[in-house]
Amino acid sequence: MFHRWAALVLVLALCAITPKNAAGQTQSQKPRGHSAGGIGANSPNPFNPDTYIPFTVGDESCTGVSEQHVVAMRILNVLAQPVVVPQMWGSTGTTAAISESLHGLPLTNVTLGCGTYKAYWNGRLTGSGREASSGVYAVQLFIDGQLITTSKIFYAK
């Protein structure tokens, strides 16, 4: 019983740290030059057992698929420990043909052109394959080695 109360207090404390954003809403930082990008709201949210996380690479000044960026994404628990690297799921627009060959690969140092993409997480932890615990998780997007943005997602069993 104590652990449930402790977990509830921890989640409430984390939500109080960023009062402008509720759990599951994105928190975007200002674009940083050509390596700008962002994370959209995951769907469904809250999710069980899997979710899709849309993200963009580049901004308005991006020259399209000819401009390449190294992209990585990771999901962290409330203790800021990496728990999983989501998989590349797909893309939209002119980048669709390019990402077909990347479907299902982990989003670790993947070279992508400017555009909109989707990542997939099946709700399982890396290594053990166990189902993740209910709670708030952070999604971090790195483009060209820089942390571009962080978003919160909520996993409910």
N, C-alpha and C. Protein backbone atom coordinates (compact mmCIF):
# COMPACT_ATOMS: atom_id res chain seq x y z
N MET A 1 0.82 -1.19 0.00
CA MET A 1 0.00 0.00 0.00
C MET A 1 0.86 1.26 0.00
N PHE A 2 1.97 1.19 0.76
CA PHE A 2 2.87 2.34 0.82
C PHE A 2 3.43 2.69 -0.55
N HIS A 3 3.77 1.66 -1.35
CA HIS A 3 4.35 1.89 -2.66
C HIS A 3 3.38 2.61 -3.59
N ARG A 4 2.12 2.29 -3.50
CA ARG A 4 1.12 2.97 -4.33
C ARG A 4 1.05 4.45 -3.98
N TRP A 5 1.05 4.74 -2.69
CA TRP A 5 1.00 6.15 -2.27
C TRP A 5 2.28 6.87 -2.67
N ALA A 6 3.41 6.20 -2.53
CA ALA A 6 4.67 6.82 -2.92
C ALA A 6 4.71 7.10 -4.42
N ALA A 7 4.21 6.17 -5.21
CA ALA A 7 4.16 6.38 -6.66
C ALA A 7 3.24 7.53 -7.01
N LEU A 8 2.10 7.62 -6.36
CA LEU A 8 1.16 8.71 -6.61
C LEU A 8 1.78 10.05 -6.26
N VAL A 9 2.46 10.13 -5.13
CA VAL A 9 3.12 11.37 -4.73
C VAL A 9 4.21 11.75 -5.73
N LEU A 10 4.96 10.77 -6.21
CA LEU A 10 6.02 11.03 -7.19
C LEU A 10 5.44 11.57 -8.49
N VAL A 11 4.37 10.98 -8.98
CA VAL A 11 3.74 11.45 -10.22
C VAL A 11 3.20 12.87 -10.04
N LEU A 12 2.57 13.13 -8.92
CA LEU A 12 2.04 14.48 -8.67
C LEU A 12 3.17 15.50 -8.57
N ALA A 13 4.27 15.11 -7.95
CA ALA A 13 5.41 16.02 -7.84
C ALA A 13 5.99 16.32 -9.22
N LEU A 14 6.08 15.31 -10.07
CA LEU A 14 6.60 15.53 -11.42
C LEU A 14 5.68 16.44 -12.24
N CYS A 15 4.39 16.29 -12.05
CA CYS A 15 3.45 17.16 -12.77
C CYS A 15 3.54 18.59 -12.26
N ALA A 16 3.87 18.76 -11.00
CA ALA A 16 3.97 20.10 -10.43
C ALA A 16 5.22 20.83 -10.92
N ILE A 17 6.23 20.08 -11.36
CA ILE A 17 7.46 20.70 -11.84
C ILE A 17 7.20 21.52 -13.10
N THR A 18 6.35 21.01 -13.98
CA THR A 18 6.02 21.73 -15.22
C THR A 18 4.52 22.01 -15.23
N PRO A 19 4.06 23.04 -14.52
CA PRO A 19 2.63 23.28 -14.39
C PRO A 19 1.94 23.70 -15.68
N LYS A 20 2.68 24.13 -16.69
CA LYS A 20 2.05 24.55 -17.94
C LYS A 20 1.59 23.36 -18.77
N ASN A 21 2.15 22.19 -18.51
CA ASN A 21 1.84 21.02 -19.32
C ASN A 21 1.34 19.89 -18.44
N ALA A 22 0.18 19.35 -18.81
CA ALA A 22 -0.33 18.17 -18.11
C ALA A 22 0.35 16.93 -18.69
N ALA A 23 0.21 15.82 -18.01
CA ALA A 23 0.82 14.58 -18.48
C ALA A 23 0.31 14.24 -19.87
N GLY A 24 1.23 13.91 -20.75
CA GLY A 24 0.86 13.52 -22.10
C GLY A 24 0.90 14.64 -23.11
N GLN A 25 0.99 15.88 -22.65
CA GLN A 25 1.08 16.99 -23.58
C GLN A 25 2.54 17.22 -23.92
N THR A 26 2.76 17.77 -25.09
CA THR A 26 4.15 17.98 -25.51
C THR A 26 4.68 19.28 -24.93
N GLN A 27 5.97 19.29 -24.76
CA GLN A 27 6.66 20.49 -24.30
C GLN A 27 7.78 20.73 -25.29
N SER A 28 7.61 21.70 -26.16
CA SER A 28 8.59 21.93 -27.20
C SER A 28 9.49 23.09 -26.85
N GLN A 29 10.74 22.97 -27.20
CA GLN A 29 11.68 24.05 -27.05
C GLN A 29 11.74 24.80 -28.38
N LYS A 30 12.38 25.97 -28.38
CA LYS A 30 12.50 26.74 -29.60
C LYS A 30 13.40 26.01 -30.59
N PRO A 31 13.07 26.09 -31.90
CA PRO A 31 13.90 25.42 -32.91
C PRO A 31 15.33 25.92 -32.86
N ARG A 32 16.29 25.03 -33.14
CA ARG A 32 17.70 25.37 -33.12
C ARG A 32 18.29 25.21 -34.52
N GLY A 33 18.08 26.15 -35.37
CA GLY A 33 18.66 26.11 -36.70
C GLY A 33 18.08 25.01 -37.57
N HIS A 34 18.91 24.48 -38.47
CA HIS A 34 18.45 23.46 -39.42
C HIS A 34 18.18 22.11 -38.77
N SER A 35 18.68 21.88 -37.57
CA SER A 35 18.44 20.60 -36.93
C SER A 35 17.16 20.62 -36.09
N ALA A 36 16.32 21.62 -36.32
CA ALA A 36 15.08 21.73 -35.54
C ALA A 36 14.13 20.58 -35.87
N GLY A 37 13.26 20.31 -34.94
CA GLY A 37 12.27 19.26 -35.09
C GLY A 37 11.35 19.31 -33.90
N GLY A 38 10.51 18.31 -33.77
CA GLY A 38 9.60 18.28 -32.64
C GLY A 38 8.91 16.94 -32.49
N ILE A 39 8.27 16.78 -31.34
CA ILE A 39 7.51 15.58 -31.04
C ILE A 39 6.05 15.98 -30.92
N GLY A 40 5.17 15.24 -31.59
CA GLY A 40 3.74 15.48 -31.49
C GLY A 40 3.14 14.67 -30.34
N ALA A 41 1.85 14.82 -30.15
CA ALA A 41 1.15 14.07 -29.10
C ALA A 41 1.02 12.61 -29.51
N ASN A 42 1.40 11.72 -28.60
CA ASN A 42 1.30 10.30 -28.93
C ASN A 42 -0.15 9.86 -29.02
N SER A 43 -0.35 8.77 -29.70
CA SER A 43 -1.71 8.29 -29.92
C SER A 43 -1.72 6.79 -29.74
N PRO A 44 -2.60 6.22 -28.98
CA PRO A 44 -3.53 6.88 -28.05
C PRO A 44 -2.80 7.35 -26.80
N ASN A 45 -3.44 8.23 -26.05
CA ASN A 45 -2.86 8.74 -24.82
C ASN A 45 -3.97 8.93 -23.80
N PRO A 46 -3.98 8.29 -22.66
CA PRO A 46 -3.01 7.30 -22.22
C PRO A 46 -3.08 6.05 -23.07
N PHE A 47 -2.00 5.28 -23.07
CA PHE A 47 -1.94 4.11 -23.95
C PHE A 47 -1.77 2.82 -23.16
N ASN A 48 -2.18 1.71 -23.78
CA ASN A 48 -2.02 0.37 -23.24
C ASN A 48 -2.33 -0.62 -24.35
N PRO A 49 -1.47 -1.44 -24.80
CA PRO A 49 -0.07 -1.57 -24.42
C PRO A 49 0.87 -0.84 -25.36
N ASP A 50 0.41 -0.34 -26.52
CA ASP A 50 1.34 0.28 -27.45
C ASP A 50 0.89 1.67 -27.85
N THR A 51 1.84 2.45 -28.39
CA THR A 51 1.56 3.82 -28.79
C THR A 51 2.41 4.22 -29.99
N TYR A 52 1.94 5.21 -30.71
CA TYR A 52 2.64 5.78 -31.86
C TYR A 52 3.00 7.22 -31.51
N ILE A 53 4.23 7.60 -31.77
CA ILE A 53 4.73 8.93 -31.41
C ILE A 53 5.16 9.64 -32.68
N PRO A 54 4.39 10.66 -33.13
CA PRO A 54 4.80 11.41 -34.33
C PRO A 54 5.92 12.38 -33.99
N PHE A 55 6.84 12.55 -34.94
CA PHE A 55 7.91 13.53 -34.75
C PHE A 55 8.31 14.10 -36.10
N THR A 56 8.87 15.30 -36.06
CA THR A 56 9.30 15.97 -37.29
C THR A 56 10.80 16.21 -37.23
N VAL A 57 11.39 16.22 -38.40
CA VAL A 57 12.81 16.52 -38.56
C VAL A 57 12.89 17.74 -39.46
N GLY A 58 13.57 18.78 -39.01
CA GLY A 58 13.71 20.00 -39.79
C GLY A 58 12.63 21.01 -39.47
N ASP A 59 12.76 22.19 -40.06
CA ASP A 59 11.77 23.25 -39.89
C ASP A 59 11.40 23.82 -41.26
N GLU A 60 10.82 25.02 -41.28
CA GLU A 60 10.35 25.61 -42.54
C GLU A 60 11.48 25.84 -43.54
N SER A 61 12.68 26.12 -43.05
CA SER A 61 13.80 26.42 -43.94
C SER A 61 14.50 25.15 -44.44
N CYS A 62 14.02 23.99 -44.05
CA CYS A 62 14.64 22.73 -44.44
C CYS A 62 14.45 22.51 -45.95
N THR A 63 15.47 22.00 -46.60
CA THR A 63 15.45 21.86 -48.06
C THR A 63 14.86 20.54 -48.55
N GLY A 64 14.22 19.80 -47.67
CA GLY A 64 13.57 18.56 -48.09
C GLY A 64 14.41 17.34 -47.81
N VAL A 65 14.14 16.27 -48.58
CA VAL A 65 14.79 14.99 -48.31
C VAL A 65 16.28 15.01 -48.62
N SER A 66 16.74 16.00 -49.38
CA SER A 66 18.16 16.05 -49.70
C SER A 66 18.99 16.46 -48.48
N GLU A 67 18.38 17.15 -47.54
CA GLU A 67 19.09 17.53 -46.31
C GLU A 67 18.92 16.41 -45.29
N GLN A 68 20.02 15.80 -44.90
CA GLN A 68 19.98 14.63 -44.02
C GLN A 68 20.38 15.00 -42.59
N HIS A 69 19.73 14.34 -41.62
CA HIS A 69 20.02 14.55 -40.21
C HIS A 69 20.11 13.20 -39.51
N VAL A 70 20.95 13.11 -38.50
CA VAL A 70 21.06 11.91 -37.68
C VAL A 70 20.08 12.05 -36.53
N VAL A 71 19.14 11.11 -36.44
CA VAL A 71 18.03 11.20 -35.49
C VAL A 71 18.10 10.03 -34.51
N ALA A 72 17.82 10.34 -33.24
CA ALA A 72 17.72 9.31 -32.20
C ALA A 72 16.58 9.68 -31.28
N MET A 73 15.93 8.67 -30.72
CA MET A 73 14.84 8.90 -29.78
C MET A 73 14.97 7.87 -28.67
N ARG A 74 14.65 8.28 -27.45
CA ARG A 74 14.65 7.33 -26.35
C ARG A 74 13.53 7.68 -25.37
N ILE A 75 13.12 6.65 -24.63
CA ILE A 75 12.05 6.82 -23.65
C ILE A 75 12.64 6.55 -22.28
N LEU A 76 12.38 7.48 -21.34
CA LEU A 76 12.92 7.42 -20.00
C LEU A 76 11.80 7.24 -18.98
N ASN A 77 12.12 6.59 -17.85
CA ASN A 77 11.15 6.49 -16.77
C ASN A 77 11.23 7.75 -15.90
N VAL A 78 10.48 7.78 -14.78
CA VAL A 78 10.44 8.98 -13.93
C VAL A 78 11.76 9.22 -13.20
N LEU A 79 12.62 8.23 -13.17
CA LEU A 79 13.94 8.39 -12.55
C LEU A 79 14.99 8.80 -13.57
N ALA A 80 14.56 9.15 -14.78
CA ALA A 80 15.43 9.56 -15.89
C ALA A 80 16.34 8.44 -16.35
N GLN A 81 15.90 7.20 -16.20
CA GLN A 81 16.65 6.04 -16.67
C GLN A 81 16.08 5.61 -18.01
N PRO A 82 16.93 5.42 -19.03
CA PRO A 82 16.43 4.96 -20.32
C PRO A 82 15.81 3.57 -20.18
N VAL A 83 14.59 3.39 -20.69
CA VAL A 83 13.91 2.10 -20.59
C VAL A 83 13.75 1.44 -21.95
N VAL A 84 13.71 2.23 -23.02
CA VAL A 84 13.52 1.65 -24.35
C VAL A 84 13.88 2.68 -25.43
N VAL A 85 14.27 2.14 -26.58
CA VAL A 85 14.43 2.96 -27.79
C VAL A 85 13.28 2.56 -28.70
N PRO A 86 12.38 3.50 -29.02
CA PRO A 86 11.25 3.13 -29.89
C PRO A 86 11.72 2.76 -31.30
N GLN A 87 10.82 2.09 -32.03
CA GLN A 87 11.12 1.66 -33.39
C GLN A 87 10.60 2.66 -34.40
N MET A 88 11.27 2.73 -35.53
CA MET A 88 10.80 3.53 -36.65
C MET A 88 9.55 2.87 -37.20
N TRP A 89 8.47 3.63 -37.39
CA TRP A 89 7.22 3.03 -37.85
C TRP A 89 6.88 3.45 -39.28
N GLY A 90 7.00 4.71 -39.58
CA GLY A 90 6.65 5.16 -40.92
C GLY A 90 6.79 6.66 -41.06
N SER A 91 6.35 7.18 -42.18
CA SER A 91 6.43 8.60 -42.44
C SER A 91 5.29 9.02 -43.36
N THR A 92 5.20 10.32 -43.57
CA THR A 92 4.17 10.85 -44.46
C THR A 92 4.83 11.76 -45.49
N GLY A 93 4.13 12.02 -46.54
CA GLY A 93 4.61 12.95 -47.56
C GLY A 93 5.71 12.37 -48.42
N THR A 94 6.66 13.23 -48.81
CA THR A 94 7.71 12.84 -49.74
C THR A 94 8.73 11.90 -49.11
N THR A 95 8.74 11.79 -47.79
CA THR A 95 9.71 10.94 -47.13
C THR A 95 9.23 9.50 -46.99
N ALA A 96 8.01 9.20 -47.43
CA ALA A 96 7.43 7.87 -47.24
C ALA A 96 8.27 6.77 -47.88
N ALA A 97 8.75 6.99 -49.09
CA ALA A 97 9.53 5.96 -49.78
C ALA A 97 10.87 5.72 -49.10
N ILE A 98 11.45 6.77 -48.54
CA ILE A 98 12.75 6.65 -47.90
C ILE A 98 12.66 5.81 -46.64
N SER A 99 11.61 6.02 -45.83
CA SER A 99 11.54 5.35 -44.53
C SER A 99 11.02 3.91 -44.62
N GLU A 100 10.57 3.46 -45.78
CA GLU A 100 10.09 2.07 -45.92
C GLU A 100 11.16 1.08 -45.50
N SER A 101 12.40 1.34 -45.88
CA SER A 101 13.49 0.42 -45.54
C SER A 101 13.86 0.50 -44.06
N LEU A 102 13.44 1.56 -43.37
CA LEU A 102 13.78 1.74 -41.95
C LEU A 102 12.69 1.21 -41.03
N HIS A 103 11.58 0.75 -41.57
CA HIS A 103 10.45 0.30 -40.77
C HIS A 103 10.87 -0.81 -39.79
N GLY A 104 10.58 -0.60 -38.51
CA GLY A 104 10.88 -1.59 -37.48
C GLY A 104 12.27 -1.50 -36.88
N LEU A 105 13.13 -0.63 -37.41
CA LEU A 105 14.47 -0.48 -36.85
C LEU A 105 14.45 0.45 -35.64
N PRO A 106 15.31 0.23 -34.67
CA PRO A 106 15.37 1.13 -33.51
C PRO A 106 15.80 2.53 -33.94
N LEU A 107 15.22 3.53 -33.31
CA LEU A 107 15.55 4.91 -33.63
C LEU A 107 16.81 5.33 -32.89
N THR A 108 17.94 4.79 -33.33
CA THR A 108 19.24 5.13 -32.75
C THR A 108 20.16 5.51 -33.89
N ASN A 109 20.49 6.79 -33.98
CA ASN A 109 21.39 7.30 -35.00
C ASN A 109 20.96 6.89 -36.41
N VAL A 110 19.70 7.15 -36.72
CA VAL A 110 19.14 6.87 -38.04
C VAL A 110 19.24 8.14 -38.88
N THR A 111 19.68 8.03 -40.10
CA THR A 111 19.79 9.18 -40.99
C THR A 111 18.46 9.38 -41.71
N LEU A 112 17.84 10.55 -41.48
CA LEU A 112 16.54 10.86 -42.08
C LEU A 112 16.58 12.23 -42.73
N GLY A 113 15.78 12.40 -43.77
CA GLY A 113 15.60 13.70 -44.39
C GLY A 113 14.53 14.49 -43.64
N CYS A 114 14.35 15.74 -44.01
CA CYS A 114 13.32 16.56 -43.39
C CYS A 114 11.95 15.96 -43.67
N GLY A 115 11.08 16.00 -42.69
CA GLY A 115 9.74 15.47 -42.88
C GLY A 115 9.10 15.05 -41.57
N THR A 116 7.95 14.38 -41.70
CA THR A 116 7.19 13.92 -40.55
C THR A 116 7.25 12.40 -40.50
N TYR A 117 7.54 11.86 -39.33
CA TYR A 117 7.71 10.42 -39.14
C TYR A 117 6.91 9.95 -37.93
N LYS A 118 6.85 8.63 -37.75
CA LYS A 118 6.21 8.03 -36.59
C LYS A 118 7.15 7.02 -35.96
N ALA A 119 7.15 7.02 -34.61
CA ALA A 119 7.88 6.00 -33.85
C ALA A 119 6.84 5.12 -33.17
N TYR A 120 7.23 3.90 -32.85
CA TYR A 120 6.31 2.93 -32.24
C TYR A 120 6.95 2.34 -30.99
N TRP A 121 6.16 2.24 -29.91
CA TRP A 121 6.59 1.56 -28.70
C TRP A 121 5.52 0.57 -28.31
N ASN A 122 5.91 -0.69 -28.10
CA ASN A 122 4.95 -1.74 -27.78
C ASN A 122 4.68 -1.88 -26.28
N GLY A 123 5.21 -0.98 -25.46
CA GLY A 123 4.96 -1.00 -24.03
C GLY A 123 5.83 -1.98 -23.27
N ARG A 124 6.85 -2.53 -23.92
CA ARG A 124 7.74 -3.50 -23.27
C ARG A 124 9.11 -2.86 -23.03
N LEU A 125 9.79 -3.33 -21.99
CA LEU A 125 11.08 -2.81 -21.61
C LEU A 125 12.20 -3.48 -22.40
N THR A 126 13.25 -2.74 -22.68
CA THR A 126 14.41 -3.29 -23.38
C THR A 126 15.13 -4.27 -22.46
N GLY A 127 15.60 -5.34 -23.02
CA GLY A 127 16.36 -6.32 -22.25
C GLY A 127 15.48 -7.42 -21.70
N SER A 128 14.60 -7.09 -20.77
CA SER A 128 13.78 -8.11 -20.12
C SER A 128 12.56 -8.50 -20.95
N GLY A 129 12.05 -7.58 -21.75
CA GLY A 129 10.85 -7.86 -22.53
C GLY A 129 9.58 -7.79 -21.71
N ARG A 130 9.71 -7.44 -20.43
CA ARG A 130 8.52 -7.32 -19.57
C ARG A 130 7.72 -6.09 -19.93
N GLU A 131 6.44 -6.13 -19.58
CA GLU A 131 5.57 -4.98 -19.82
C GLU A 131 5.96 -3.87 -18.86
N ALA A 132 5.99 -2.64 -19.35
CA ALA A 132 6.37 -1.50 -18.53
C ALA A 132 5.31 -1.22 -17.46
N SER A 133 5.72 -0.57 -16.39
CA SER A 133 4.81 -0.21 -15.32
C SER A 133 3.96 0.99 -15.74
N SER A 134 2.79 1.10 -15.16
CA SER A 134 1.95 2.27 -15.41
C SER A 134 2.66 3.51 -14.91
N GLY A 135 2.45 4.63 -15.60
CA GLY A 135 3.04 5.88 -15.14
C GLY A 135 3.41 6.80 -16.27
N VAL A 136 4.13 7.84 -15.90
CA VAL A 136 4.55 8.88 -16.83
C VAL A 136 5.95 8.53 -17.35
N TYR A 137 6.14 8.66 -18.64
CA TYR A 137 7.43 8.44 -19.28
C TYR A 137 7.79 9.67 -20.09
N ALA A 138 9.08 9.93 -20.23
CA ALA A 138 9.55 11.06 -21.03
C ALA A 138 10.10 10.52 -22.35
N VAL A 139 9.80 11.22 -23.43
CA VAL A 139 10.31 10.88 -24.75
C VAL A 139 11.26 12.00 -25.16
N GLN A 140 12.50 11.64 -25.48
CA GLN A 140 13.48 12.63 -25.90
C GLN A 140 13.82 12.43 -27.37
N LEU A 141 13.90 13.55 -28.10
CA LEU A 141 14.27 13.53 -29.51
C LEU A 141 15.61 14.24 -29.69
N PHE A 142 16.56 13.51 -30.26
CA PHE A 142 17.88 14.06 -30.55
C PHE A 142 18.04 14.15 -32.06
N ILE A 143 18.48 15.31 -32.53
CA ILE A 143 18.76 15.50 -33.95
C ILE A 143 20.17 16.06 -34.06
N ASP A 144 20.99 15.39 -34.85
CA ASP A 144 22.40 15.76 -35.03
C ASP A 144 23.11 15.88 -33.68
N GLY A 145 22.81 14.98 -32.77
CA GLY A 145 23.49 14.93 -31.48
C GLY A 145 22.98 15.90 -30.44
N GLN A 146 22.03 16.76 -30.77
CA GLN A 146 21.48 17.73 -29.82
C GLN A 146 20.12 17.29 -29.35
N LEU A 147 19.85 17.46 -28.04
CA LEU A 147 18.52 17.23 -27.52
C LEU A 147 17.63 18.36 -28.01
N ILE A 148 16.64 18.04 -28.84
CA ILE A 148 15.79 19.05 -29.43
C ILE A 148 14.56 19.31 -28.57
N THR A 149 13.91 18.26 -28.11
CA THR A 149 12.70 18.44 -27.33
C THR A 149 12.44 17.20 -26.47
N THR A 150 11.62 17.39 -25.46
CA THR A 150 11.20 16.32 -24.58
C THR A 150 9.69 16.39 -24.45
N SER A 151 9.04 15.24 -24.44
CA SER A 151 7.59 15.17 -24.33
C SER A 151 7.24 14.12 -23.28
N LYS A 152 6.09 14.27 -22.63
CA LYS A 152 5.64 13.29 -21.65
C LYS A 152 4.52 12.45 -22.25
N ILE A 153 4.55 11.15 -21.93
CA ILE A 153 3.48 10.25 -22.32
C ILE A 153 3.03 9.47 -21.08
N PHE A 154 1.81 8.99 -21.10
CA PHE A 154 1.25 8.30 -19.93
C PHE A 154 0.83 6.90 -20.29
N TYR A 155 1.35 5.92 -19.55
CA TYR A 155 1.04 4.51 -19.77
C TYR A 155 0.11 4.05 -18.66
N ALA A 156 -1.08 3.59 -19.01
CA ALA A 156 -2.06 3.15 -18.02
C ALA A 156 -2.43 1.69 -18.28
N LYS A 157 -2.33 0.86 -17.26
CA LYS A 157 -2.70 -0.56 -17.39
C LYS A 157 -4.17 -0.71 -17.09
